[in-house]
Amino acid sequence: MIKNIIPLIDLRGKTPIDLLRAYPDSARTLVVSARKSYGVVSNIASGLILPFIDKKSHNWLIRTHNPFLHEIETFDSILGMRGVFSLNLSYEWGCTSGAYRNNGTIGMMRILDWPFPSLGKNILVVLQNSKVGDFYNITWPGISGIFNAVAPARFCAALNLAPMRRHGSFLPFDWLKNRKIMHRQTGLPPAHLLRQVFEQAPDYNTAKEMLSKTPLAVPAIFTLTGLESGEGCIIERLENSAQIRE
């Protein structure tokens, strides 16, 4: 059985733009694979609607004054292909995670069981620095937000997809209605909030407060663990409210 070896990249003193320049083919593979998620039909459909979705995504980032807009625009410029903006706002990478007690400490389990092509082949562990400390980001080239990361001596956190809001109609129509709700919001995409937490929060309690109170664009579930027994919680988020399960 051949196992995928995950590269460890030291990105301290650099940016995700530098990571993309080092691994442009991996990023292109992700964009192309996203188009083919559901076979030939989705590949053909994406060719027709992707320019529209990309434009809408870009406009939304501009309108909400997204802090990582310039970075994603640079991704788009480097790759020169449709799908970069929509990929960074896709938020479809739901999977399994949990926090548990382990001999007086708190641990986190993360399972990357996402039904998204080529994720495993192109995953990287990237060591990044910030004003509050270094952290390891489990990520991909061309992705601006953070979905899973570990900050030694601070905390660990992961992002999960929240259950989709149902409006009593056909599933695709519910999805479209939820996208319309999102485009009226001015909060951060969940993956962008998690990035700010790793770049700005010096400890578990600060991270917990940021993940609980910062306005979001869409519902999300965050799993957060700290260093001491009792420092572990699931934060179930709506756009402007939170339910914390210790």
Foldseek 3Di string as FASTA:
>chain_A
DDDADAAEAEQEVHALLVVCVVPVVLVVVQQQQQQQLPHPVSVVVCVVCQVVLQVLLLVLCVVLVPPCSVVLVSLCVVNVDGRLSCVQQVQQQADDKDWDDDPFFIDMDGDRPGSTPPCRNFWHFYWYAAPQAIKTATGGRSHRFGAWIGGPQAKTKGKHDDDQDDDPDDVVVSVVVLVVQLSVDSFAALRNLVVCLVRPPNHLVSSVCSSFAGFHSAWIWMWMAGTGPPRTWIWTDGRGGIDIGD
